[in-house]
Amino acid sequence: MVNEFDERPWGNYTVLDEGECFKVKRIEVLPEKRLSYQKHKRRAEHWFVVRGTAKVTLNDEEILVKTGKSIDIALGDAHRVENPDAKELLVFIETQTGDYFGEDDIVRLEDDFGRMA
């Protein structure tokens, strides 16, 4: 469903577009919050930062991705994005490619909000 909006404990996302083999989201991460350290079995992701600086953990390596830069998350990579800024919102565009895009494709390795399954 295009323009689907969902609030999360770390911020929110809006689905901008989707098709049979892709999904595009606008993701906002609140100051000093982070998403689960996770991986996916059926999709890869490309993140393009449009506001702020993302602290990305990719297979246990930390990488800073600044506004105007991007990073690729391959299928099966362990990954997390964090907003290290105390005041500014982090905004990035996530393009998912693969054959399935449901939230139940998330395998959480660590989570700050008690959402481990």
PDB file of N, CA and C in Angstrom:
ATOM      1  N   MET A   1       0.844  -1.184   0.000  1.00  0.00           N
ATOM      2  CA  MET A   1       0.000   0.000   0.000  1.00  0.00           C
ATOM      3  C   MET A   1       0.887   1.245   0.000  1.00  0.00           C
ATOM      4  N   VAL A   2       0.848   2.017  -1.041  1.00  0.00           N
ATOM      5  CA  VAL A   2       1.675   3.214  -1.161  1.00  0.00           C
ATOM      6  C   VAL A   2       1.190   4.282  -0.186  1.00  0.00           C
ATOM      7  N   ASN A   3       2.125   5.023   0.404  1.00  0.00           N
ATOM      8  CA  ASN A   3       1.888   6.069   1.400  1.00  0.00           C
ATOM      9  C   ASN A   3       1.408   5.508   2.736  1.00  0.00           C
ATOM     10  N   GLU A   4       1.671   4.228   2.978  1.00  0.00           N
ATOM     11  CA  GLU A   4       1.428   3.633   4.287  1.00  0.00           C
ATOM     12  C   GLU A   4       2.380   4.304   5.275  1.00  0.00           C
ATOM     13  N   PHE A   5       1.861   4.732   6.421  1.00  0.00           N
ATOM     14  CA  PHE A   5       2.657   5.401   7.454  1.00  0.00           C
ATOM     15  C   PHE A   5       2.616   4.551   8.719  1.00  0.00           C
ATOM     16  N   ASP A   6       3.766   4.388   9.370  1.00  0.00           N
ATOM     17  CA  ASP A   6       3.814   3.585  10.589  1.00  0.00           C
ATOM     18  C   ASP A   6       4.752   4.237  11.601  1.00  0.00           C
ATOM     19  N   GLU A   7       4.249   4.438  12.822  1.00  0.00           N
ATOM     20  CA  GLU A   7       5.064   4.950  13.937  1.00  0.00           C
ATOM     21  C   GLU A   7       5.779   3.771  14.584  1.00  0.00           C
ATOM     22  N   ARG A   8       7.024   3.996  14.948  1.00  0.00           N
ATOM     23  CA  ARG A   8       7.822   2.999  15.650  1.00  0.00           C
ATOM     24  C   ARG A   8       8.463   3.647  16.877  1.00  0.00           C
ATOM     25  N   PRO A   9       8.997   2.872  17.815  1.00  0.00           N
ATOM     26  CA  PRO A   9       9.606   3.481  19.003  1.00  0.00           C
ATOM     27  C   PRO A   9      10.829   4.343  18.677  1.00  0.00           C
ATOM     28  N   TRP A  10      11.448   4.107  17.535  1.00  0.00           N
ATOM     29  CA  TRP A  10      12.646   4.849  17.125  1.00  0.00           C
ATOM     30  C   TRP A  10      12.328   6.013  16.187  1.00  0.00           C
ATOM     31  N   GLY A  11      11.090   6.113  15.697  1.00  0.00           N
ATOM     32  CA  GLY A  11      10.708   7.150  14.733  1.00  0.00           C
ATOM     33  C   GLY A  11       9.527   6.693  13.908  1.00  0.00           C
ATOM     34  N   ASN A  12       9.660   6.768  12.557  1.00  0.00           N
ATOM     35  CA  ASN A  12       8.558   6.346  11.696  1.00  0.00           C
ATOM     36  C   ASN A  12       9.051   6.070  10.281  1.00  0.00           C
ATOM     37  N   TYR A  13       8.157   5.462   9.492  1.00  0.00           N
ATOM     38  CA  TYR A  13       8.438   5.305   8.062  1.00  0.00           C
ATOM     39  C   TYR A  13       7.161   5.502   7.263  1.00  0.00           C
ATOM     40  N   THR A  14       7.361   5.931   6.011  1.00  0.00           N
ATOM     41  CA  THR A  14       6.275   6.081   5.045  1.00  0.00           C
ATOM     42  C   THR A  14       6.665   5.319   3.788  1.00  0.00           C
ATOM     43  N   VAL A  15       5.776   4.455   3.307  1.00  0.00           N
ATOM     44  CA  VAL A  15       6.014   3.760   2.046  1.00  0.00           C
ATOM     45  C   VAL A  15       5.699   4.738   0.914  1.00  0.00           C
ATOM     46  N   LEU A  16       6.702   5.022   0.081  1.00  0.00           N
ATOM     47  CA  LEU A  16       6.548   5.973  -1.019  1.00  0.00           C
ATOM     48  C   LEU A  16       6.107   5.306  -2.316  1.00  0.00           C
ATOM     49  N   ASP A  17       6.586   4.082  -2.544  1.00  0.00           N
ATOM     50  CA  ASP A  17       6.257   3.371  -3.781  1.00  0.00           C
ATOM     51  C   ASP A  17       6.576   1.900  -3.564  1.00  0.00           C
ATOM     52  N   GLU A  18       5.893   1.046  -4.309  1.00  0.00           N
ATOM     53  CA  GLU A  18       6.220  -0.370  -4.268  1.00  0.00           C
ATOM     54  C   GLU A  18       5.721  -1.065  -5.518  1.00  0.00           C
ATOM     55  N   GLY A  19       6.397  -2.153  -5.843  1.00  0.00           N
ATOM     56  CA  GLY A  19       6.049  -2.967  -6.996  1.00  0.00           C
ATOM     57  C   GLY A  19       6.370  -4.413  -6.692  1.00  0.00           C
ATOM     58  N   GLU A  20       6.339  -5.247  -7.696  1.00  0.00           N
ATOM     59  CA  GLU A  20       6.539  -6.675  -7.495  1.00  0.00           C
ATOM     60  C   GLU A  20       7.925  -7.002  -6.940  1.00  0.00           C
ATOM     61  N   CYS A  21       8.953  -6.252  -7.347  1.00  0.00           N
ATOM     62  CA  CYS A  21      10.323  -6.586  -6.935  1.00  0.00           C
ATOM     63  C   CYS A  21      11.029  -5.434  -6.204  1.00  0.00           C
ATOM     64  N   PHE A  22      10.271  -4.442  -5.704  1.00  0.00           N
ATOM     65  CA  PHE A  22      10.888  -3.337  -4.962  1.00  0.00           C
ATOM     66  C   PHE A  22       9.894  -2.681  -4.015  1.00  0.00           C
ATOM     67  N   LYS A  23      10.447  -1.968  -3.022  1.00  0.00           N
ATOM     68  CA  LYS A  23       9.661  -1.134  -2.111  1.00  0.00           C
ATOM     69  C   LYS A  23      10.552   0.041  -1.717  1.00  0.00           C
ATOM     70  N   VAL A  24       9.977   1.242  -1.672  1.00  0.00           N
ATOM     71  CA  VAL A  24      10.725   2.448  -1.312  1.00  0.00           C
ATOM     72  C   VAL A  24      10.076   3.090  -0.091  1.00  0.00           C
ATOM     73  N   LYS A  25      10.898   3.366   0.950  1.00  0.00           N
ATOM     74  CA  LYS A  25      10.396   3.980   2.181  1.00  0.00           C
ATOM     75  C   LYS A  25      11.181   5.254   2.494  1.00  0.00           C
ATOM     76  N   ARG A  26      10.497   6.208   3.107  1.00  0.00           N
ATOM     77  CA  ARG A  26      11.135   7.376   3.732  1.00  0.00           C
ATOM     78  C   ARG A  26      11.156   7.068   5.212  1.00  0.00           C
ATOM     79  N   ILE A  27      12.345   7.024   5.809  1.00  0.00           N
ATOM     80  CA  ILE A  27      12.502   6.631   7.205  1.00  0.00           C
ATOM     81  C   ILE A  27      13.059   7.797   8.010  1.00  0.00           C
ATOM     82  N   GLU A  28      12.416   8.090   9.144  1.00  0.00           N
ATOM     83  CA  GLU A  28      12.873   9.131  10.064  1.00  0.00           C
ATOM     84  C   GLU A  28      13.279   8.466  11.372  1.00  0.00           C
ATOM     85  N   VAL A  29      14.503   8.760  11.831  1.00  0.00           N
ATOM     86  CA  VAL A  29      14.999   8.210  13.089  1.00  0.00           C
ATOM     87  C   VAL A  29      15.182   9.375  14.068  1.00  0.00           C
ATOM     88  N   LEU A  30      14.538   9.266  15.212  1.00  0.00           N
ATOM     89  CA  LEU A  30      14.608  10.305  16.229  1.00  0.00           C
ATOM     90  C   LEU A  30      16.025  10.449  16.782  1.00  0.00           C
ATOM     91  N   PRO A  31      16.354  11.626  17.322  1.00  0.00           N
ATOM     92  CA  PRO A  31      17.682  11.828  17.902  1.00  0.00           C
ATOM     93  C   PRO A  31      18.020  10.760  18.951  1.00  0.00           C
ATOM     94  N   GLU A  32      19.237  10.238  18.836  1.00  0.00           N
ATOM     95  CA  GLU A  32      19.804   9.253  19.755  1.00  0.00           C
ATOM     96  C   GLU A  32      19.016   7.943  19.835  1.00  0.00           C
ATOM     97  N   LYS A  33      18.282   7.606  18.772  1.00  0.00           N
ATOM     98  CA  LYS A  33      17.562   6.327  18.699  1.00  0.00           C
ATOM     99  C   LYS A  33      18.196   5.466  17.610  1.00  0.00           C
ATOM    100  N   ARG A  34      17.916   4.171  17.663  1.00  0.00           N
ATOM    101  CA  ARG A  34      18.424   3.249  16.646  1.00  0.00           C
ATOM    102  C   ARG A  34      17.431   2.128  16.416  1.00  0.00           C
ATOM    103  N   LEU A  35      17.505   1.550  15.248  1.00  0.00           N
ATOM    104  CA  LEU A  35      16.665   0.422  14.885  1.00  0.00           C
ATOM    105  C   LEU A  35      17.309  -0.861  15.391  1.00  0.00           C
ATOM    106  N   SER A  36      16.625  -1.970  15.243  1.00  0.00           N
ATOM    107  CA  SER A  36      17.164  -3.279  15.617  1.00  0.00           C
ATOM    108  C   SER A  36      18.412  -3.588  14.796  1.00  0.00           C
ATOM    109  N   TYR A  37      19.329  -4.339  15.408  1.00  0.00           N
ATOM    110  CA  TYR A  37      20.413  -4.960  14.643  1.00  0.00           C
ATOM    111  C   TYR A  37      19.761  -6.193  14.042  1.00  0.00           C
ATOM    112  N   GLN A  38      19.704  -6.275  12.711  1.00  0.00           N
ATOM    113  CA  GLN A  38      18.860  -7.262  12.047  1.00  0.00           C
ATOM    114  C   GLN A  38      19.442  -7.708  10.728  1.00  0.00           C
ATOM    115  N   LYS A  39      18.784  -8.695  10.148  1.00  0.00           N
ATOM    116  CA  LYS A  39      19.110  -9.123   8.787  1.00  0.00           C
ATOM    117  C   LYS A  39      17.830  -9.606   8.124  1.00  0.00           C
ATOM    118  N   HIS A  40      17.907  -9.773   6.801  1.00  0.00           N
ATOM    119  CA  HIS A  40      16.751 -10.208   6.019  1.00  0.00           C
ATOM    120  C   HIS A  40      17.145 -11.396   5.151  1.00  0.00           C
ATOM    121  N   LYS A  41      16.216 -12.318   4.975  1.00  0.00           N
ATOM    122  CA  LYS A  41      16.452 -13.497   4.151  1.00  0.00           C
ATOM    123  C   LYS A  41      16.056 -13.278   2.694  1.00  0.00           C
ATOM    124  N   ARG A  42      15.170 -12.276   2.438  1.00  0.00           N
ATOM    125  CA  ARG A  42      14.592 -12.183   1.093  1.00  0.00           C
ATOM    126  C   ARG A  42      14.719 -10.812   0.445  1.00  0.00           C
ATOM    127  N   ARG A  43      15.481  -9.894   1.060  1.00  0.00           N
ATOM    128  CA  ARG A  43      15.631  -8.582   0.441  1.00  0.00           C
ATOM    129  C   ARG A  43      16.979  -7.948   0.763  1.00  0.00           C
ATOM    130  N   ALA A  44      17.427  -7.129  -0.170  1.00  0.00           N
ATOM    131  CA  ALA A  44      18.596  -6.270   0.017  1.00  0.00           C
ATOM    132  C   ALA A  44      18.078  -4.838   0.133  1.00  0.00           C
ATOM    133  N   GLU A  45      18.917  -3.932   0.661  1.00  0.00           N
ATOM    134  CA  GLU A  45      18.486  -2.545   0.835  1.00  0.00           C
ATOM    135  C   GLU A  45      19.573  -1.586   0.403  1.00  0.00           C
ATOM    136  N   HIS A  46      19.131  -0.413  -0.058  1.00  0.00           N
ATOM    137  CA  HIS A  46      20.022   0.700  -0.395  1.00  0.00           C
ATOM    138  C   HIS A  46      19.510   1.898   0.393  1.00  0.00           C
ATOM    139  N   TRP A  47      20.383   2.515   1.196  1.00  0.00           N
ATOM    140  CA  TRP A  47      19.988   3.664   2.015  1.00  0.00           C
ATOM    141  C   TRP A  47      20.669   4.919   1.504  1.00  0.00           C
ATOM    142  N   PHE A  48      19.892   5.960   1.230  1.00  0.00           N
ATOM    143  CA  PHE A  48      20.409   7.263   0.799  1.00  0.00           C
ATOM    144  C   PHE A  48      20.013   8.295   1.850  1.00  0.00           C
ATOM    145  N   VAL A  49      21.001   8.882   2.518  1.00  0.00           N
ATOM    146  CA  VAL A  49      20.742   9.827   3.603  1.00  0.00           C
ATOM    147  C   VAL A  49      20.429  11.201   3.020  1.00  0.00           C
ATOM    148  N   VAL A  50      19.275  11.758   3.408  1.00  0.00           N
ATOM    149  CA  VAL A  50      18.866  13.075   2.914  1.00  0.00           C
ATOM    150  C   VAL A  50      18.927  14.158   3.993  1.00  0.00           C
ATOM    151  N   ARG A  51      19.029  13.749   5.264  1.00  0.00           N
ATOM    152  CA  ARG A  51      19.160  14.722   6.360  1.00  0.00           C
ATOM    153  C   ARG A  51      19.856  14.060   7.538  1.00  0.00           C
ATOM    154  N   GLY A  52      20.875  14.723   8.064  1.00  0.00           N
ATOM    155  CA  GLY A  52      21.589  14.208   9.219  1.00  0.00           C
ATOM    156  C   GLY A  52      22.721  13.275   8.832  1.00  0.00           C
ATOM    157  N   THR A  53      23.224  12.562   9.826  1.00  0.00           N
ATOM    158  CA  THR A  53      24.286  11.575   9.636  1.00  0.00           C
ATOM    159  C   THR A  53      23.828  10.262  10.236  1.00  0.00           C
ATOM    160  N   ALA A  54      23.927   9.189   9.458  1.00  0.00           N
ATOM    161  CA  ALA A  54      23.558   7.859   9.927  1.00  0.00           C
ATOM    162  C   ALA A  54      24.798   7.140  10.425  1.00  0.00           C
ATOM    163  N   LYS A  55      24.690   6.559  11.598  1.00  0.00           N
ATOM    164  CA  LYS A  55      25.729   5.659  12.097  1.00  0.00           C
ATOM    165  C   LYS A  55      25.235   4.259  11.767  1.00  0.00           C
ATOM    166  N   VAL A  56      25.863   3.638  10.792  1.00  0.00           N
ATOM    167  CA  VAL A  56      25.439   2.335  10.301  1.00  0.00           C
ATOM    168  C   VAL A  56      26.372   1.265  10.844  1.00  0.00           C
ATOM    169  N   THR A  57      25.798   0.216  11.401  1.00  0.00           N
ATOM    170  CA  THR A  57      26.570  -0.966  11.762  1.00  0.00           C
ATOM    171  C   THR A  57      26.258  -2.005  10.696  1.00  0.00           C
ATOM    172  N   LEU A  58      27.296  -2.430   9.982  1.00  0.00           N
ATOM    173  CA  LEU A  58      27.153  -3.392   8.889  1.00  0.00           C
ATOM    174  C   LEU A  58      28.101  -4.555   9.156  1.00  0.00           C
ATOM    175  N   ASN A  59      27.538  -5.709   9.488  1.00  0.00           N
ATOM    176  CA  ASN A  59      28.347  -6.889   9.826  1.00  0.00           C
ATOM    177  C   ASN A  59      29.408  -6.558  10.871  1.00  0.00           C
ATOM    178  N   ASP A  60      28.981  -5.876  11.937  1.00  0.00           N
ATOM    179  CA  ASP A  60      29.796  -5.497  13.103  1.00  0.00           C
ATOM    180  C   ASP A  60      30.814  -4.386  12.839  1.00  0.00           C
ATOM    181  N   GLU A  61      30.781  -3.748  11.670  1.00  0.00           N
ATOM    182  CA  GLU A  61      31.643  -2.601  11.373  1.00  0.00           C
ATOM    183  C   GLU A  61      30.800  -1.330  11.383  1.00  0.00           C
ATOM    184  N   GLU A  62      31.263  -0.293  12.101  1.00  0.00           N
ATOM    185  CA  GLU A  62      30.533   0.972  12.160  1.00  0.00           C
ATOM    186  C   GLU A  62      31.009   1.919  11.060  1.00  0.00           C
ATOM    187  N   ILE A  63      30.039   2.527  10.355  1.00  0.00           N
ATOM    188  CA  ILE A  63      30.313   3.415   9.228  1.00  0.00           C
ATOM    189  C   ILE A  63      29.422   4.646   9.376  1.00  0.00           C
ATOM    190  N   LEU A  64      29.995   5.846   9.235  1.00  0.00           N
ATOM    191  CA  LEU A  64      29.192   7.071   9.235  1.00  0.00           C
ATOM    192  C   LEU A  64      28.804   7.407   7.804  1.00  0.00           C
ATOM    193  N   VAL A  65      27.514   7.618   7.575  1.00  0.00           N
ATOM    194  CA  VAL A  65      26.995   7.953   6.245  1.00  0.00           C
ATOM    195  C   VAL A  65      26.338   9.326   6.365  1.00  0.00           C
ATOM    196  N   LYS A  66      26.947  10.320   5.721  1.00  0.00           N
ATOM    197  CA  LYS A  66      26.486  11.708   5.845  1.00  0.00           C
ATOM    198  C   LYS A  66      25.450  12.049   4.771  1.00  0.00           C
ATOM    199  N   THR A  67      24.797  13.188   4.946  1.00  0.00           N
ATOM    200  CA  THR A  67      23.813  13.676   3.981  1.00  0.00           C
ATOM    201  C   THR A  67      24.395  13.643   2.570  1.00  0.00           C
ATOM    202  N   GLY A  68      23.619  13.101   1.633  1.00  0.00           N
ATOM    203  CA  GLY A  68      24.043  13.015   0.240  1.00  0.00           C
ATOM    204  C   GLY A  68      24.825  11.759  -0.100  1.00  0.00           C
ATOM    205  N   LYS A  69      25.083  10.924   0.881  1.00  0.00           N
ATOM    206  CA  LYS A  69      25.829   9.672   0.668  1.00  0.00           C
ATOM    207  C   LYS A  69      24.900   8.487   0.860  1.00  0.00           C
ATOM    208  N   SER A  70      25.350   7.320   0.430  1.00  0.00           N
ATOM    209  CA  SER A  70      24.515   6.124   0.518  1.00  0.00           C
ATOM    210  C   SER A  70      25.337   4.910   0.907  1.00  0.00           C
ATOM    211  N   ILE A  71      24.618   3.843   1.244  1.00  0.00           N
ATOM    212  CA  ILE A  71      25.254   2.570   1.595  1.00  0.00           C
ATOM    213  C   ILE A  71      24.340   1.435   1.131  1.00  0.00           C
ATOM    214  N   ASP A  72      24.960   0.328   0.732  1.00  0.00           N
ATOM    215  CA  ASP A  72      24.211  -0.850   0.295  1.00  0.00           C
ATOM    216  C   ASP A  72      24.278  -1.939   1.358  1.00  0.00           C
ATOM    217  N   ILE A  73      23.131  -2.555   1.607  1.00  0.00           N
ATOM    218  CA  ILE A  73      22.998  -3.652   2.555  1.00  0.00           C
ATOM    219  C   ILE A  73      22.633  -4.891   1.731  1.00  0.00           C
ATOM    220  N   ALA A  74      23.555  -5.827   1.617  1.00  0.00           N
ATOM    221  CA  ALA A  74      23.307  -7.026   0.807  1.00  0.00           C
ATOM    222  C   ALA A  74      22.382  -7.994   1.534  1.00  0.00           C
ATOM    223  N   LEU A  75      21.750  -8.850   0.788  1.00  0.00           N
ATOM    224  CA  LEU A  75      20.899  -9.897   1.329  1.00  0.00           C
ATOM    225  C   LEU A  75      21.669 -10.673   2.401  1.00  0.00           C
ATOM    226  N   GLY A  76      21.093 -10.801   3.591  1.00  0.00           N
ATOM    227  CA  GLY A  76      21.726 -11.558   4.665  1.00  0.00           C
ATOM    228  C   GLY A  76      22.706 -10.792   5.527  1.00  0.00           C
ATOM    229  N   ASP A  77      23.059  -9.550   5.152  1.00  0.00           N
ATOM    230  CA  ASP A  77      23.968  -8.749   5.974  1.00  0.00           C
ATOM    231  C   ASP A  77      23.306  -8.363   7.291  1.00  0.00           C
ATOM    232  N   ALA A  78      24.062  -8.434   8.374  1.00  0.00           N
ATOM    233  CA  ALA A  78      23.593  -7.917   9.659  1.00  0.00           C
ATOM    234  C   ALA A  78      23.766  -6.400   9.609  1.00  0.00           C
ATOM    235  N   HIS A  79      22.701  -5.658   9.968  1.00  0.00           N
ATOM    236  CA  HIS A  79      22.762  -4.207   9.819  1.00  0.00           C
ATOM    237  C   HIS A  79      21.893  -3.489  10.837  1.00  0.00           C
ATOM    238  N   ARG A  80      22.273  -2.231  11.095  1.00  0.00           N
ATOM    239  CA  ARG A  80      21.518  -1.356  11.993  1.00  0.00           C
ATOM    240  C   ARG A  80      21.823   0.067  11.579  1.00  0.00           C
ATOM    241  N   VAL A  81      20.832   0.931  11.742  1.00  0.00           N
ATOM    242  CA  VAL A  81      21.045   2.365  11.546  1.00  0.00           C
ATOM    243  C   VAL A  81      20.711   3.069  12.845  1.00  0.00           C
ATOM    244  N   GLU A  82      21.520   4.078  13.153  1.00  0.00           N
ATOM    245  CA  GLU A  82      21.369   4.830  14.401  1.00  0.00           C
ATOM    246  C   GLU A  82      21.509   6.312  14.095  1.00  0.00           C
ATOM    247  N   ASN A  83      20.766   7.127  14.831  1.00  0.00           N
ATOM    248  CA  ASN A  83      20.915   8.578  14.741  1.00  0.00           C
ATOM    249  C   ASN A  83      21.740   9.019  15.949  1.00  0.00           C
ATOM    250  N   PRO A  84      23.032   9.327  15.748  1.00  0.00           N
ATOM    251  CA  PRO A  84      23.881   9.695  16.876  1.00  0.00           C
ATOM    252  C   PRO A  84      23.693  11.142  17.343  1.00  0.00           C
ATOM    253  N   ASP A  85      22.959  11.941  16.583  1.00  0.00           N
ATOM    254  CA  ASP A  85      22.780  13.355  16.902  1.00  0.00           C
ATOM    255  C   ASP A  85      21.787  13.531  18.050  1.00  0.00           C
ATOM    256  N   ALA A  86      22.074  14.460  18.939  1.00  0.00           N
ATOM    257  CA  ALA A  86      21.210  14.695  20.101  1.00  0.00           C
ATOM    258  C   ALA A  86      20.022  15.595  19.775  1.00  0.00           C
ATOM    259  N   LYS A  87      20.048  16.296  18.638  1.00  0.00           N
ATOM    260  CA  LYS A  87      18.995  17.262  18.329  1.00  0.00           C
ATOM    261  C   LYS A  87      18.331  17.050  16.976  1.00  0.00           C
ATOM    262  N   GLU A  88      19.108  16.689  15.957  1.00  0.00           N
ATOM    263  CA  GLU A  88      18.592  16.650  14.590  1.00  0.00           C
ATOM    264  C   GLU A  88      17.988  15.297  14.224  1.00  0.00           C
ATOM    265  N   LEU A  89      16.903  15.323  13.482  1.00  0.00           N
ATOM    266  CA  LEU A  89      16.260  14.140  12.943  1.00  0.00           C
ATOM    267  C   LEU A  89      17.132  13.559  11.826  1.00  0.00           C
ATOM    268  N   LEU A  90      17.244  12.237  11.768  1.00  0.00           N
ATOM    269  CA  LEU A  90      17.896  11.548  10.655  1.00  0.00           C
ATOM    270  C   LEU A  90      16.807  11.118   9.682  1.00  0.00           C
ATOM    271  N   VAL A  91      16.978  11.441   8.395  1.00  0.00           N
ATOM    272  CA  VAL A  91      16.013  11.032   7.369  1.00  0.00           C
ATOM    273  C   VAL A  91      16.787  10.354   6.240  1.00  0.00           C
ATOM    274  N   PHE A  92      16.329   9.159   5.850  1.00  0.00           N
ATOM    275  CA  PHE A  92      16.944   8.499   4.701  1.00  0.00           C
ATOM    276  C   PHE A  92      15.873   7.782   3.881  1.00  0.00           C
ATOM    277  N   ILE A  93      16.223   7.562   2.624  1.00  0.00           N
ATOM    278  CA  ILE A  93      15.349   6.844   1.702  1.00  0.00           C
ATOM    279  C   ILE A  93      15.896   5.431   1.571  1.00  0.00           C
ATOM    280  N   GLU A  94      15.025   4.463   1.826  1.00  0.00           N
ATOM    281  CA  GLU A  94      15.416   3.052   1.748  1.00  0.00           C
ATOM    282  C   GLU A  94      14.752   2.430   0.523  1.00  0.00           C
ATOM    283  N   THR A  95      15.565   1.876  -0.364  1.00  0.00           N
ATOM    284  CA  THR A  95      15.045   1.131  -1.508  1.00  0.00           C
ATOM    285  C   THR A  95      15.337  -0.340  -1.268  1.00  0.00           C
ATOM    286  N   GLN A  96      14.277  -1.128  -1.180  1.00  0.00           N
ATOM    287  CA  GLN A  96      14.403  -2.569  -0.979  1.00  0.00           C
ATOM    288  C   GLN A  96      14.233  -3.272  -2.319  1.00  0.00           C
ATOM    289  N   THR A  97      15.066  -4.287  -2.562  1.00  0.00           N
ATOM    290  CA  THR A  97      14.913  -5.123  -3.750  1.00  0.00           C
ATOM    291  C   THR A  97      14.923  -6.579  -3.304  1.00  0.00           C
ATOM    292  N   GLY A  98      14.127  -7.383  -3.963  1.00  0.00           N
ATOM    293  CA  GLY A  98      14.046  -8.798  -3.616  1.00  0.00           C
ATOM    294  C   GLY A  98      12.723  -9.374  -4.056  1.00  0.00           C
ATOM    295  N   ASP A  99      12.305 -10.454  -3.379  1.00  0.00           N
ATOM    296  CA  ASP A  99      11.043 -11.081  -3.773  1.00  0.00           C
ATOM    297  C   ASP A  99       9.985 -11.056  -2.672  1.00  0.00           C
ATOM    298  N   TYR A 100      10.316 -10.428  -1.512  1.00  0.00           N
ATOM    299  CA  TYR A 100       9.344 -10.330  -0.428  1.00  0.00           C
ATOM    300  C   TYR A 100       9.735  -9.169   0.480  1.00  0.00           C
ATOM    301  N   PHE A 101       8.748  -8.356   0.917  1.00  0.00           N
ATOM    302  CA  PHE A 101       9.056  -7.132   1.659  1.00  0.00           C
ATOM    303  C   PHE A 101       8.276  -7.001   2.957  1.00  0.00           C
ATOM    304  N   GLY A 102       7.678  -8.085   3.432  1.00  0.00           N
ATOM    305  CA  GLY A 102       6.916  -8.041   4.674  1.00  0.00           C
ATOM    306  C   GLY A 102       7.804  -7.792   5.883  1.00  0.00           C
ATOM    307  N   GLU A 103       7.227  -7.171   6.913  1.00  0.00           N
ATOM    308  CA  GLU A 103       7.968  -6.905   8.153  1.00  0.00           C
ATOM    309  C   GLU A 103       8.373  -8.203   8.852  1.00  0.00           C
ATOM    310  N   ASP A 104       7.706  -9.315   8.530  1.00  0.00           N
ATOM    311  CA  ASP A 104       8.069 -10.593   9.141  1.00  0.00           C
ATOM    312  C   ASP A 104       9.326 -11.218   8.532  1.00  0.00           C
ATOM    313  N   ASP A 105       9.979 -10.517   7.588  1.00  0.00           N
ATOM    314  CA  ASP A 105      11.270 -10.955   7.054  1.00  0.00           C
ATOM    315  C   ASP A 105      12.425 -10.422   7.905  1.00  0.00           C
ATOM    316  N   ILE A 106      12.111  -9.700   8.980  1.00  0.00           N
ATOM    317  CA  ILE A 106      13.145  -9.159   9.866  1.00  0.00           C
ATOM    318  C   ILE A 106      13.569 -10.234  10.861  1.00  0.00           C
ATOM    319  N   VAL A 107      14.865 -10.539  10.883  1.00  0.00           N
ATOM    320  CA  VAL A 107      15.451 -11.408  11.896  1.00  0.00           C
ATOM    321  C   VAL A 107      16.232 -10.499  12.828  1.00  0.00           C
ATOM    322  N   ARG A 108      15.692 -10.244  14.033  1.00  0.00           N
ATOM    323  CA  ARG A 108      16.333  -9.322  14.982  1.00  0.00           C
ATOM    324  C   ARG A 108      17.444 -10.029  15.749  1.00  0.00           C
ATOM    325  N   LEU A 109      18.623  -9.420  15.734  1.00  0.00           N
ATOM    326  CA  LEU A 109      19.776  -9.935  16.464  1.00  0.00           C
ATOM    327  C   LEU A 109      19.929  -9.227  17.812  1.00  0.00           C
ATOM    328  N   GLU A 110      19.575  -7.936  17.839  1.00  0.00           N
ATOM    329  CA  GLU A 110      19.554  -7.112  19.058  1.00  0.00           C
ATOM    330  C   GLU A 110      18.442  -6.091  18.892  1.00  0.00           C
ATOM    331  N   ASP A 111      17.821  -5.673  20.009  1.00  0.00           N
ATOM    332  CA  ASP A 111      16.754  -4.678  19.922  1.00  0.00           C
ATOM    333  C   ASP A 111      16.644  -3.916  21.236  1.00  0.00           C
ATOM    334  N   ASP A 112      16.573  -2.599  21.148  1.00  0.00           N
ATOM    335  CA  ASP A 112      16.476  -1.731  22.325  1.00  0.00           C
ATOM    336  C   ASP A 112      15.064  -1.674  22.904  1.00  0.00           C
ATOM    337  N   PHE A 113      14.080  -2.214  22.201  1.00  0.00           N
ATOM    338  CA  PHE A 113      12.682  -2.042  22.582  1.00  0.00           C
ATOM    339  C   PHE A 113      11.976  -3.363  22.917  1.00  0.00           C
ATOM    340  N   GLY A 114      12.744  -4.417  23.205  1.00  0.00           N
ATOM    341  CA  GLY A 114      12.159  -5.680  23.629  1.00  0.00           C
ATOM    342  C   GLY A 114      11.386  -6.418  22.566  1.00  0.00           C
ATOM    343  N   ARG A 115      11.776  -6.254  21.296  1.00  0.00           N
ATOM    344  CA  ARG A 115      11.030  -6.888  20.205  1.00  0.00           C
ATOM    345  C   ARG A 115      11.732  -8.120  19.659  1.00  0.00           C
ATOM    346  N   MET A 116      12.492  -8.802  20.479  1.00  0.00           N
ATOM    347  CA  MET A 116      13.171 -10.027  20.016  1.00  0.00           C
ATOM    348  C   MET A 116      12.149 -11.161  19.951  1.00  0.00           C
ATOM    349  N   ALA A 117      12.244 -11.946  18.892  1.00  0.00           N
ATOM    350  CA  ALA A 117      11.298 -13.068  18.758  1.00  0.00           C
ATOM    351  C   ALA A 117      12.016 -14.383  18.948  1.00  0.00           C
TER     352      ALA A 117
END
